[in-house]
Amino acid sequence: MDIHHLSQHRFREMSIWMILAATAIIVAFALLARASLNLHAALTDKPDLAMYILMPETRIQKIDLLRDHGKERDYLVTTATGSLFVKLQKSDGKWNIIEQEPLRADE
């Protein structure tokens, strides 16, 4: 670009486009950060939702809360292959699976 032949109109137009591009980048990063915070809150505050993220390979169909002891929760999880007993425990601000047992169906 030849800076000597840059008109005032062209300079103003380029400045506006640069400001719009910078604003779009900042907004995109802010949206990604907010989505990350929402996912973190879902994992730490909502253990029912955390089950779907902690067990993606099981194809969960239904989750029933059996017992709630504050930092420990017991669930009956229905999957495509059968039922599971799952125990979650909250440690260091995150929910972790500490026990997972398949249940037999009464025949």
PDB file of N, CA and C in Angstrom:
ATOM      1  N   MET A   1       0.851  -1.174   0.000  1.00  0.00           N
ATOM      2  CA  MET A   1       0.000   0.000   0.000  1.00  0.00           C
ATOM      3  C   MET A   1       0.895   1.235   0.000  1.00  0.00           C
ATOM      4  N   ASP A   2       0.599   2.167  -0.868  1.00  0.00           N
ATOM      5  CA  ASP A   2       1.369   3.405  -0.960  1.00  0.00           C
ATOM      6  C   ASP A   2       0.779   4.412   0.015  1.00  0.00           C
ATOM      7  N   ILE A   3       1.483   4.659   1.111  1.00  0.00           N
ATOM      8  CA  ILE A   3       0.952   5.500   2.184  1.00  0.00           C
ATOM      9  C   ILE A   3       0.855   6.969   1.768  1.00  0.00           C
ATOM     10  N   HIS A   4       1.642   7.390   0.775  1.00  0.00           N
ATOM     11  CA  HIS A   4       1.615   8.788   0.348  1.00  0.00           C
ATOM     12  C   HIS A   4       0.327   9.137  -0.387  1.00  0.00           C
ATOM     13  N   HIS A   5      -0.293   8.144  -0.986  1.00  0.00           N
ATOM     14  CA  HIS A   5      -1.506   8.404  -1.755  1.00  0.00           C
ATOM     15  C   HIS A   5      -2.767   7.961  -1.018  1.00  0.00           C
ATOM     16  N   LEU A   6      -2.699   7.817   0.283  1.00  0.00           N
ATOM     17  CA  LEU A   6      -3.844   7.401   1.087  1.00  0.00           C
ATOM     18  C   LEU A   6      -4.717   8.621   1.384  1.00  0.00           C
ATOM     19  N   SER A   7      -5.943   8.571   0.930  1.00  0.00           N
ATOM     20  CA  SER A   7      -6.840   9.708   1.157  1.00  0.00           C
ATOM     21  C   SER A   7      -7.440   9.632   2.557  1.00  0.00           C
ATOM     22  N   GLN A   8      -7.978  10.733   2.998  1.00  0.00           N
ATOM     23  CA  GLN A   8      -8.593  10.781   4.322  1.00  0.00           C
ATOM     24  C   GLN A   8      -9.800   9.846   4.382  1.00  0.00           C
ATOM     25  N   HIS A   9     -10.570   9.779   3.327  1.00  0.00           N
ATOM     26  CA  HIS A   9     -11.732   8.893   3.271  1.00  0.00           C
ATOM     27  C   HIS A   9     -11.300   7.425   3.369  1.00  0.00           C
ATOM     28  N   ARG A  10     -10.275   7.059   2.629  1.00  0.00           N
ATOM     29  CA  ARG A  10      -9.791   5.668   2.646  1.00  0.00           C
ATOM     30  C   ARG A  10      -9.229   5.309   4.028  1.00  0.00           C
ATOM     31  N   PHE A  11      -8.512   6.244   4.657  1.00  0.00           N
ATOM     32  CA  PHE A  11      -7.967   6.012   5.993  1.00  0.00           C
ATOM     33  C   PHE A  11      -9.093   5.802   7.002  1.00  0.00           C
ATOM     34  N   ARG A  12     -10.128   6.617   6.943  1.00  0.00           N
ATOM     35  CA  ARG A  12     -11.265   6.487   7.851  1.00  0.00           C
ATOM     36  C   ARG A  12     -11.979   5.144   7.637  1.00  0.00           C
ATOM     37  N   GLU A  13     -12.143   4.757   6.388  1.00  0.00           N
ATOM     38  CA  GLU A  13     -12.791   3.486   6.073  1.00  0.00           C
ATOM     39  C   GLU A  13     -11.982   2.300   6.609  1.00  0.00           C
ATOM     40  N   MET A  14     -10.660   2.324   6.426  1.00  0.00           N
ATOM     41  CA  MET A  14      -9.810   1.250   6.946  1.00  0.00           C
ATOM     42  C   MET A  14      -9.846   1.209   8.472  1.00  0.00           C
ATOM     43  N   SER A  15      -9.870   2.357   9.108  1.00  0.00           N
ATOM     44  CA  SER A  15      -9.917   2.409  10.577  1.00  0.00           C
ATOM     45  C   SER A  15     -11.213   1.809  11.102  1.00  0.00           C
ATOM     46  N   ILE A  16     -12.312   2.116  10.456  1.00  0.00           N
ATOM     47  CA  ILE A  16     -13.606   1.565  10.876  1.00  0.00           C
ATOM     48  C   ILE A  16     -13.605   0.048  10.726  1.00  0.00           C
ATOM     49  N   TRP A  17     -13.078  -0.470   9.608  1.00  0.00           N
ATOM     50  CA  TRP A  17     -13.025  -1.919   9.409  1.00  0.00           C
ATOM     51  C   TRP A  17     -12.121  -2.596  10.443  1.00  0.00           C
ATOM     52  N   MET A  18     -11.003  -1.948  10.802  1.00  0.00           N
ATOM     53  CA  MET A  18     -10.115  -2.522  11.821  1.00  0.00           C
ATOM     54  C   MET A  18     -10.797  -2.560  13.185  1.00  0.00           C
ATOM     55  N   ILE A  19     -11.528  -1.521  13.530  1.00  0.00           N
ATOM     56  CA  ILE A  19     -12.243  -1.485  14.808  1.00  0.00           C
ATOM     57  C   ILE A  19     -13.331  -2.559  14.831  1.00  0.00           C
ATOM     58  N   LEU A  20     -14.068  -2.709  13.733  1.00  0.00           N
ATOM     59  CA  LEU A  20     -15.097  -3.751  13.663  1.00  0.00           C
ATOM     60  C   LEU A  20     -14.493  -5.152  13.759  1.00  0.00           C
ATOM     61  N   ALA A  21     -13.370  -5.379  13.099  1.00  0.00           N
ATOM     62  CA  ALA A  21     -12.721  -6.693  13.162  1.00  0.00           C
ATOM     63  C   ALA A  21     -12.226  -6.986  14.578  1.00  0.00           C
ATOM     64  N   ALA A  22     -11.623  -5.998  15.228  1.00  0.00           N
ATOM     65  CA  ALA A  22     -11.145  -6.189  16.602  1.00  0.00           C
ATOM     66  C   ALA A  22     -12.314  -6.464  17.545  1.00  0.00           C
ATOM     67  N   THR A  23     -13.420  -5.758  17.359  1.00  0.00           N
ATOM     68  CA  THR A  23     -14.607  -5.977  18.193  1.00  0.00           C
ATOM     69  C   THR A  23     -15.168  -7.378  17.980  1.00  0.00           C
ATOM     70  N   ALA A  24     -15.205  -7.831  16.740  1.00  0.00           N
ATOM     71  CA  ALA A  24     -15.710  -9.179  16.452  1.00  0.00           C
ATOM     72  C   ALA A  24     -14.832 -10.244  17.104  1.00  0.00           C
ATOM     73  N   ILE A  25     -13.529 -10.060  17.080  1.00  0.00           N
ATOM     74  CA  ILE A  25     -12.614 -11.020  17.713  1.00  0.00           C
ATOM     75  C   ILE A  25     -12.819 -11.042  19.216  1.00  0.00           C
ATOM     76  N   ILE A  26     -12.944  -9.882  19.834  1.00  0.00           N
ATOM     77  CA  ILE A  26     -13.148  -9.801  21.287  1.00  0.00           C
ATOM     78  C   ILE A  26     -14.473 -10.448  21.679  1.00  0.00           C
ATOM     79  N   VAL A  27     -15.526 -10.201  20.918  1.00  0.00           N
ATOM     80  CA  VAL A  27     -16.834 -10.796  21.213  1.00  0.00           C
ATOM     81  C   VAL A  27     -16.773 -12.317  21.074  1.00  0.00           C
ATOM     82  N   ALA A  28     -16.090 -12.811  20.053  1.00  0.00           N
ATOM     83  CA  ALA A  28     -15.972 -14.264  19.863  1.00  0.00           C
ATOM     84  C   ALA A  28     -15.249 -14.907  21.043  1.00  0.00           C
ATOM     85  N   PHE A  29     -14.156 -14.311  21.495  1.00  0.00           N
ATOM     86  CA  PHE A  29     -13.436 -14.862  22.645  1.00  0.00           C
ATOM     87  C   PHE A  29     -14.260 -14.768  23.920  1.00  0.00           C
ATOM     88  N   ALA A  30     -15.019 -13.699  24.085  1.00  0.00           N
ATOM     89  CA  ALA A  30     -15.871 -13.569  25.275  1.00  0.00           C
ATOM     90  C   ALA A  30     -16.959 -14.644  25.285  1.00  0.00           C
ATOM     91  N   LEU A  31     -17.544 -14.932  24.129  1.00  0.00           N
ATOM     92  CA  LEU A  31     -18.560 -15.987  24.050  1.00  0.00           C
ATOM     93  C   LEU A  31     -17.968 -17.360  24.349  1.00  0.00           C
ATOM     94  N   LEU A  32     -16.776 -17.628  23.843  1.00  0.00           N
ATOM     95  CA  LEU A  32     -16.119 -18.903  24.139  1.00  0.00           C
ATOM     96  C   LEU A  32     -15.783 -19.025  25.622  1.00  0.00           C
ATOM     97  N   ALA A  33     -15.342 -17.941  26.227  1.00  0.00           N
ATOM     98  CA  ALA A  33     -15.027 -17.968  27.660  1.00  0.00           C
ATOM     99  C   ALA A  33     -16.284 -18.205  28.478  1.00  0.00           C
ATOM    100  N   ARG A  34     -17.379 -17.569  28.099  1.00  0.00           N
ATOM    101  CA  ARG A  34     -18.633 -17.751  28.833  1.00  0.00           C
ATOM    102  C   ARG A  34     -19.143 -19.185  28.696  1.00  0.00           C
ATOM    103  N   ALA A  35     -19.031 -19.746  27.502  1.00  0.00           N
ATOM    104  CA  ALA A  35     -19.445 -21.139  27.309  1.00  0.00           C
ATOM    105  C   ALA A  35     -18.591 -22.079  28.153  1.00  0.00           C
ATOM    106  N   SER A  36     -17.311 -21.784  28.253  1.00  0.00           N
ATOM    107  CA  SER A  36     -16.422 -22.596  29.084  1.00  0.00           C
ATOM    108  C   SER A  36     -16.816 -22.506  30.552  1.00  0.00           C
ATOM    109  N   LEU A  37     -17.156 -21.315  31.023  1.00  0.00           N
ATOM    110  CA  LEU A  37     -17.598 -21.156  32.411  1.00  0.00           C
ATOM    111  C   LEU A  37     -18.909 -21.889  32.659  1.00  0.00           C
ATOM    112  N   ASN A  38     -19.826 -21.840  31.699  1.00  0.00           N
ATOM    113  CA  ASN A  38     -21.098 -22.553  31.851  1.00  0.00           C
ATOM    114  C   ASN A  38     -20.880 -24.058  31.927  1.00  0.00           C
ATOM    115  N   LEU A  39     -19.976 -24.583  31.112  1.00  0.00           N
ATOM    116  CA  LEU A  39     -19.690 -26.016  31.152  1.00  0.00           C
ATOM    117  C   LEU A  39     -19.043 -26.401  32.480  1.00  0.00           C
ATOM    118  N   HIS A  40     -18.128 -25.572  32.967  1.00  0.00           N
ATOM    119  CA  HIS A  40     -17.490 -25.844  34.259  1.00  0.00           C
ATOM    120  C   HIS A  40     -18.528 -25.847  35.377  1.00  0.00           C
ATOM    121  N   ALA A  41     -19.443 -24.890  35.351  1.00  0.00           N
ATOM    122  CA  ALA A  41     -20.495 -24.835  36.374  1.00  0.00           C
ATOM    123  C   ALA A  41     -21.406 -26.051  36.277  1.00  0.00           C
ATOM    124  N   ALA A  42     -21.690 -26.488  35.072  1.00  0.00           N
ATOM    125  CA  ALA A  42     -22.545 -27.668  34.909  1.00  0.00           C
ATOM    126  C   ALA A  42     -21.874 -28.912  35.472  1.00  0.00           C
ATOM    127  N   LEU A  43     -20.578 -29.011  35.303  1.00  0.00           N
ATOM    128  CA  LEU A  43     -19.870 -30.185  35.812  1.00  0.00           C
ATOM    129  C   LEU A  43     -19.749 -30.179  37.329  1.00  0.00           C
ATOM    130  N   THR A  44     -19.634 -29.006  37.925  1.00  0.00           N
ATOM    131  CA  THR A  44     -19.426 -28.961  39.372  1.00  0.00           C
ATOM    132  C   THR A  44     -20.720 -28.814  40.152  1.00  0.00           C
ATOM    133  N   ASP A  45     -21.718 -28.155  39.601  1.00  0.00           N
ATOM    134  CA  ASP A  45     -22.945 -27.877  40.344  1.00  0.00           C
ATOM    135  C   ASP A  45     -24.084 -28.831  40.022  1.00  0.00           C
ATOM    136  N   LYS A  46     -24.062 -29.457  38.878  1.00  0.00           N
ATOM    137  CA  LYS A  46     -25.157 -30.321  38.460  1.00  0.00           C
ATOM    138  C   LYS A  46     -24.609 -31.710  38.143  1.00  0.00           C
ATOM    139  N   PRO A  47     -24.544 -32.573  39.143  1.00  0.00           N
ATOM    140  CA  PRO A  47     -23.973 -33.900  38.899  1.00  0.00           C
ATOM    141  C   PRO A  47     -24.801 -34.748  37.937  1.00  0.00           C
ATOM    142  N   ASP A  48     -26.109 -34.493  37.838  1.00  0.00           N
ATOM    143  CA  ASP A  48     -26.928 -35.256  36.891  1.00  0.00           C
ATOM    144  C   ASP A  48     -26.452 -35.012  35.461  1.00  0.00           C
ATOM    145  N   LEU A  49     -26.111 -33.781  35.158  1.00  0.00           N
ATOM    146  CA  LEU A  49     -25.589 -33.447  33.837  1.00  0.00           C
ATOM    147  C   LEU A  49     -24.164 -33.964  33.673  1.00  0.00           C
ATOM    148  N   ALA A  50     -23.404 -33.959  34.755  1.00  0.00           N
ATOM    149  CA  ALA A  50     -22.025 -34.455  34.695  1.00  0.00           C
ATOM    150  C   ALA A  50     -21.981 -35.932  34.331  1.00  0.00           C
ATOM    151  N   MET A  51     -23.024 -36.676  34.684  1.00  0.00           N
ATOM    152  CA  MET A  51     -23.065 -38.109  34.356  1.00  0.00           C
ATOM    153  C   MET A  51     -22.964 -38.326  32.846  1.00  0.00           C
ATOM    154  N   TYR A  52     -23.661 -37.510  32.069  1.00  0.00           N
ATOM    155  CA  TYR A  52     -23.631 -37.657  30.614  1.00  0.00           C
ATOM    156  C   TYR A  52     -22.232 -37.385  30.063  1.00  0.00           C
ATOM    157  N   ILE A  53     -21.515 -36.452  30.686  1.00  0.00           N
ATOM    158  CA  ILE A  53     -20.179 -36.108  30.209  1.00  0.00           C
ATOM    159  C   ILE A  53     -19.142 -37.109  30.706  1.00  0.00           C
ATOM    160  N   LEU A  54     -19.314 -37.622  31.925  1.00  0.00           N
ATOM    161  CA  LEU A  54     -18.353 -38.581  32.470  1.00  0.00           C
ATOM    162  C   LEU A  54     -18.499 -39.970  31.858  1.00  0.00           C
ATOM    163  N   MET A  55     -19.669 -40.292  31.340  1.00  0.00           N
ATOM    164  CA  MET A  55     -19.916 -41.626  30.777  1.00  0.00           C
ATOM    165  C   MET A  55     -20.447 -41.524  29.345  1.00  0.00           C
ATOM    166  N   PRO A  56     -19.694 -40.970  28.407  1.00  0.00           N
ATOM    167  CA  PRO A  56     -20.232 -40.781  27.055  1.00  0.00           C
ATOM    168  C   PRO A  56     -20.399 -42.080  26.271  1.00  0.00           C
ATOM    169  N   GLU A  57     -19.610 -43.095  26.585  1.00  0.00           N
ATOM    170  CA  GLU A  57     -19.644 -44.332  25.804  1.00  0.00           C
ATOM    171  C   GLU A  57     -20.799 -45.250  26.185  1.00  0.00           C
ATOM    172  N   THR A  58     -21.511 -44.961  27.273  1.00  0.00           N
ATOM    173  CA  THR A  58     -22.553 -45.876  27.743  1.00  0.00           C
ATOM    174  C   THR A  58     -23.925 -45.624  27.123  1.00  0.00           C
ATOM    175  N   ARG A  59     -24.104 -44.555  26.405  1.00  0.00           N
ATOM    176  CA  ARG A  59     -25.397 -44.208  25.786  1.00  0.00           C
ATOM    177  C   ARG A  59     -26.525 -44.218  26.826  1.00  0.00           C
ATOM    178  N   ILE A  60     -26.446 -43.285  27.737  1.00  0.00           N
ATOM    179  CA  ILE A  60     -27.400 -43.191  28.847  1.00  0.00           C
ATOM    180  C   ILE A  60     -28.784 -42.841  28.317  1.00  0.00           C
ATOM    181  N   GLN A  61     -29.793 -43.580  28.796  1.00  0.00           N
ATOM    182  CA  GLN A  61     -31.179 -43.314  28.422  1.00  0.00           C
ATOM    183  C   GLN A  61     -31.944 -42.622  29.543  1.00  0.00           C
ATOM    184  N   LYS A  62     -31.648 -42.996  30.798  1.00  0.00           N
ATOM    185  CA  LYS A  62     -32.393 -42.447  31.929  1.00  0.00           C
ATOM    186  C   LYS A  62     -31.509 -42.484  33.171  1.00  0.00           C
ATOM    187  N   ILE A  63     -31.641 -41.455  34.017  1.00  0.00           N
ATOM    188  CA  ILE A  63     -30.895 -41.384  35.270  1.00  0.00           C
ATOM    189  C   ILE A  63     -31.888 -41.156  36.405  1.00  0.00           C
ATOM    190  N   ASP A  64     -31.809 -42.000  37.435  1.00  0.00           N
ATOM    191  CA  ASP A  64     -32.645 -41.837  38.630  1.00  0.00           C
ATOM    192  C   ASP A  64     -31.736 -41.669  39.839  1.00  0.00           C
ATOM    193  N   LEU A  65     -31.969 -40.619  40.617  1.00  0.00           N
ATOM    194  CA  LEU A  65     -31.210 -40.390  41.843  1.00  0.00           C
ATOM    195  C   LEU A  65     -31.765 -41.297  42.932  1.00  0.00           C
ATOM    196  N   LEU A  66     -30.908 -42.111  43.521  1.00  0.00           N
ATOM    197  CA  LEU A  66     -31.328 -43.011  44.591  1.00  0.00           C
ATOM    198  C   LEU A  66     -31.090 -42.396  45.968  1.00  0.00           C
ATOM    199  N   ARG A  67     -29.918 -41.804  46.159  1.00  0.00           N
ATOM    200  CA  ARG A  67     -29.550 -41.273  47.460  1.00  0.00           C
ATOM    201  C   ARG A  67     -28.650 -40.054  47.281  1.00  0.00           C
ATOM    202  N   ASP A  68     -28.832 -39.057  48.152  1.00  0.00           N
ATOM    203  CA  ASP A  68     -28.000 -37.856  48.125  1.00  0.00           C
ATOM    204  C   ASP A  68     -27.439 -37.619  49.519  1.00  0.00           C
ATOM    205  N   HIS A  69     -26.117 -37.670  49.632  1.00  0.00           N
ATOM    206  CA  HIS A  69     -25.450 -37.424  50.909  1.00  0.00           C
ATOM    207  C   HIS A  69     -24.608 -36.150  50.842  1.00  0.00           C
ATOM    208  N   GLY A  70     -24.999 -35.186  50.061  1.00  0.00           N
ATOM    209  CA  GLY A  70     -24.227 -33.948  49.933  1.00  0.00           C
ATOM    210  C   GLY A  70     -23.096 -34.096  48.934  1.00  0.00           C
ATOM    211  N   LYS A  71     -21.966 -34.628  49.384  1.00  0.00           N
ATOM    212  CA  LYS A  71     -20.806 -34.787  48.505  1.00  0.00           C
ATOM    213  C   LYS A  71     -20.742 -36.168  47.861  1.00  0.00           C
ATOM    214  N   GLU A  72     -21.746 -36.983  48.102  1.00  0.00           N
ATOM    215  CA  GLU A  72     -21.796 -38.319  47.507  1.00  0.00           C
ATOM    216  C   GLU A  72     -23.228 -38.608  47.066  1.00  0.00           C
ATOM    217  N   ARG A  73     -23.375 -39.087  45.841  1.00  0.00           N
ATOM    218  CA  ARG A  73     -24.708 -39.369  45.291  1.00  0.00           C
ATOM    219  C   ARG A  73     -24.712 -40.734  44.625  1.00  0.00           C
ATOM    220  N   ASP A  74     -25.818 -41.459  44.811  1.00  0.00           N
ATOM    221  CA  ASP A  74     -26.001 -42.777  44.200  1.00  0.00           C
ATOM    222  C   ASP A  74     -27.075 -42.674  43.120  1.00  0.00           C
ATOM    223  N   TYR A  75     -26.811 -43.302  41.976  1.00  0.00           N
ATOM    224  CA  TYR A  75     -27.722 -43.233  40.832  1.00  0.00           C
ATOM    225  C   TYR A  75     -28.021 -44.621  40.282  1.00  0.00           C
ATOM    226  N   LEU A  76     -29.209 -44.752  39.719  1.00  0.00           N
ATOM    227  CA  LEU A  76     -29.566 -45.893  38.889  1.00  0.00           C
ATOM    228  C   LEU A  76     -29.592 -45.367  37.458  1.00  0.00           C
ATOM    229  N   VAL A  77     -28.679 -45.860  36.646  1.00  0.00           N
ATOM    230  CA  VAL A  77     -28.522 -45.376  35.275  1.00  0.00           C
ATOM    231  C   VAL A  77     -29.002 -46.463  34.323  1.00  0.00           C
ATOM    232  N   THR A  78     -29.954 -46.125  33.472  1.00  0.00           N
ATOM    233  CA  THR A  78     -30.452 -47.057  32.463  1.00  0.00           C
ATOM    234  C   THR A  78     -29.753 -46.752  31.147  1.00  0.00           C
ATOM    235  N   THR A  79     -29.119 -47.768  30.575  1.00  0.00           N
ATOM    236  CA  THR A  79     -28.407 -47.611  29.310  1.00  0.00           C
ATOM    237  C   THR A  79     -29.002 -48.559  28.274  1.00  0.00           C
ATOM    238  N   ALA A  80     -28.456 -48.514  27.085  1.00  0.00           N
ATOM    239  CA  ALA A  80     -28.929 -49.397  26.015  1.00  0.00           C
ATOM    240  C   ALA A  80     -28.599 -50.857  26.310  1.00  0.00           C
ATOM    241  N   THR A  81     -27.560 -51.099  27.097  1.00  0.00           N
ATOM    242  CA  THR A  81     -27.137 -52.475  27.389  1.00  0.00           C
ATOM    243  C   THR A  81     -27.647 -52.996  28.721  1.00  0.00           C
ATOM    244  N   GLY A  82     -28.299 -52.177  29.525  1.00  0.00           N
ATOM    245  CA  GLY A  82     -28.809 -52.613  30.824  1.00  0.00           C
ATOM    246  C   GLY A  82     -28.713 -51.504  31.857  1.00  0.00           C
ATOM    247  N   SER A  83     -28.907 -51.877  33.120  1.00  0.00           N
ATOM    248  CA  SER A  83     -28.888 -50.903  34.207  1.00  0.00           C
ATOM    249  C   SER A  83     -27.546 -50.926  34.924  1.00  0.00           C
ATOM    250  N   LEU A  84     -27.162 -49.757  35.430  1.00  0.00           N
ATOM    251  CA  LEU A  84     -25.923 -49.611  36.183  1.00  0.00           C
ATOM    252  C   LEU A  84     -26.207 -48.911  37.497  1.00  0.00           C
ATOM    253  N   PHE A  85     -25.484 -49.299  38.547  1.00  0.00           N
ATOM    254  CA  PHE A  85     -25.471 -48.560  39.797  1.00  0.00           C
ATOM    255  C   PHE A  85     -24.199 -47.720  39.766  1.00  0.00           C
ATOM    256  N   VAL A  86     -24.350 -46.395  39.884  1.00  0.00           N
ATOM    257  CA  VAL A  86     -23.209 -45.486  39.797  1.00  0.00           C
ATOM    258  C   VAL A  86     -23.175 -44.622  41.041  1.00  0.00           C
ATOM    259  N   LYS A  87     -21.988 -44.504  41.621  1.00  0.00           N
ATOM    260  CA  LYS A  87     -21.794 -43.663  42.797  1.00  0.00           C
ATOM    261  C   LYS A  87     -20.845 -42.529  42.414  1.00  0.00           C
ATOM    262  N   LEU A  88     -21.312 -41.291  42.609  1.00  0.00           N
ATOM    263  CA  LEU A  88     -20.491 -40.112  42.343  1.00  0.00           C
ATOM    264  C   LEU A  88     -20.044 -39.508  43.661  1.00  0.00           C
ATOM    265  N   GLN A  89     -18.830 -38.949  43.652  1.00  0.00           N
ATOM    266  CA  GLN A  89     -18.325 -38.258  44.827  1.00  0.00           C
ATOM    267  C   GLN A  89     -17.701 -36.949  44.372  1.00  0.00           C
ATOM    268  N   LYS A  90     -17.965 -35.886  45.136  1.00  0.00           N
ATOM    269  CA  LYS A  90     -17.411 -34.579  44.810  1.00  0.00           C
ATOM    270  C   LYS A  90     -16.111 -34.402  45.579  1.00  0.00           C
ATOM    271  N   SER A  91     -15.021 -34.228  44.838  1.00  0.00           N
ATOM    272  CA  SER A  91     -13.724 -33.971  45.454  1.00  0.00           C
ATOM    273  C   SER A  91     -12.998 -32.918  44.628  1.00  0.00           C
ATOM    274  N   ASP A  92     -12.401 -31.982  45.302  1.00  0.00           N
ATOM    275  CA  ASP A  92     -11.698 -30.862  44.657  1.00  0.00           C
ATOM    276  C   ASP A  92     -12.616 -30.079  43.725  1.00  0.00           C
ATOM    277  N   GLY A  93     -13.886 -29.974  44.071  1.00  0.00           N
ATOM    278  CA  GLY A  93     -14.833 -29.200  43.281  1.00  0.00           C
ATOM    279  C   GLY A  93     -15.345 -29.896  42.033  1.00  0.00           C
ATOM    280  N   LYS A  94     -14.986 -31.158  41.820  1.00  0.00           N
ATOM    281  CA  LYS A  94     -15.431 -31.887  40.632  1.00  0.00           C
ATOM    282  C   LYS A  94     -16.107 -33.181  41.051  1.00  0.00           C
ATOM    283  N   TRP A  95     -17.086 -33.600  40.260  1.00  0.00           N
ATOM    284  CA  TRP A  95     -17.752 -34.879  40.496  1.00  0.00           C
ATOM    285  C   TRP A  95     -16.971 -35.971  39.785  1.00  0.00           C
ATOM    286  N   ASN A  96     -16.693 -37.059  40.508  1.00  0.00           N
ATOM    287  CA  ASN A  96     -15.968 -38.200  39.950  1.00  0.00           C
ATOM    288  C   ASN A  96     -16.747 -39.479  40.221  1.00  0.00           C
ATOM    289  N   ILE A  97     -16.651 -40.416  39.294  1.00  0.00           N
ATOM    290  CA  ILE A  97     -17.277 -41.724  39.482  1.00  0.00           C
ATOM    291  C   ILE A  97     -16.344 -42.555  40.355  1.00  0.00           C
ATOM    292  N   ILE A  98     -16.843 -42.993  41.515  1.00  0.00           N
ATOM    293  CA  ILE A  98     -16.008 -43.818  42.389  1.00  0.00           C
ATOM    294  C   ILE A  98     -16.424 -45.285  42.346  1.00  0.00           C
ATOM    295  N   GLU A  99     -17.631 -45.542  41.876  1.00  0.00           N
ATOM    296  CA  GLU A  99     -18.099 -46.929  41.790  1.00  0.00           C
ATOM    297  C   GLU A  99     -19.109 -47.041  40.651  1.00  0.00           C
ATOM    298  N   GLN A 100     -18.988 -48.132  39.906  1.00  0.00           N
ATOM    299  CA  GLN A 100     -19.908 -48.377  38.789  1.00  0.00           C
ATOM    300  C   GLN A 100     -20.100 -49.885  38.681  1.00  0.00           C
ATOM    301  N   GLU A 101     -21.326 -50.344  38.915  1.00  0.00           N
ATOM    302  CA  GLU A 101     -21.613 -51.778  38.891  1.00  0.00           C
ATOM    303  C   GLU A 101     -22.795 -52.066  37.975  1.00  0.00           C
ATOM    304  N   PRO A 102     -22.657 -53.043  37.093  1.00  0.00           N
ATOM    305  CA  PRO A 102     -23.816 -53.449  36.280  1.00  0.00           C
ATOM    306  C   PRO A 102     -24.801 -54.234  37.142  1.00  0.00           C
ATOM    307  N   LEU A 103     -26.083 -54.053  36.895  1.00  0.00           N
ATOM    308  CA  LEU A 103     -27.131 -54.752  37.638  1.00  0.00           C
ATOM    309  C   LEU A 103     -27.760 -55.811  36.743  1.00  0.00           C
ATOM    310  N   ARG A 104     -28.106 -56.926  37.349  1.00  0.00           N
ATOM    311  CA  ARG A 104     -28.776 -57.987  36.602  1.00  0.00           C
ATOM    312  C   ARG A 104     -30.272 -57.735  36.611  1.00  0.00           C
ATOM    313  N   ALA A 105     -30.916 -58.054  35.531  1.00  0.00           N
ATOM    314  CA  ALA A 105     -32.376 -57.959  35.456  1.00  0.00           C
ATOM    315  C   ALA A 105     -32.968 -59.241  36.018  1.00  0.00           C
ATOM    316  N   ASP A 106     -34.059 -59.115  36.781  1.00  0.00           N
ATOM    317  CA  ASP A 106     -34.743 -60.299  37.305  1.00  0.00           C
ATOM    318  C   ASP A 106     -35.471 -60.996  36.169  1.00  0.00           C
ATOM    319  N   GLU A 107     -35.163 -62.250  35.985  1.00  0.00           N
ATOM    320  CA  GLU A 107     -35.787 -63.003  34.892  1.00  0.00           C
ATOM    321  C   GLU A 107     -36.693 -64.066  35.423  1.00  0.00           C
TER     322      GLU A 107
END
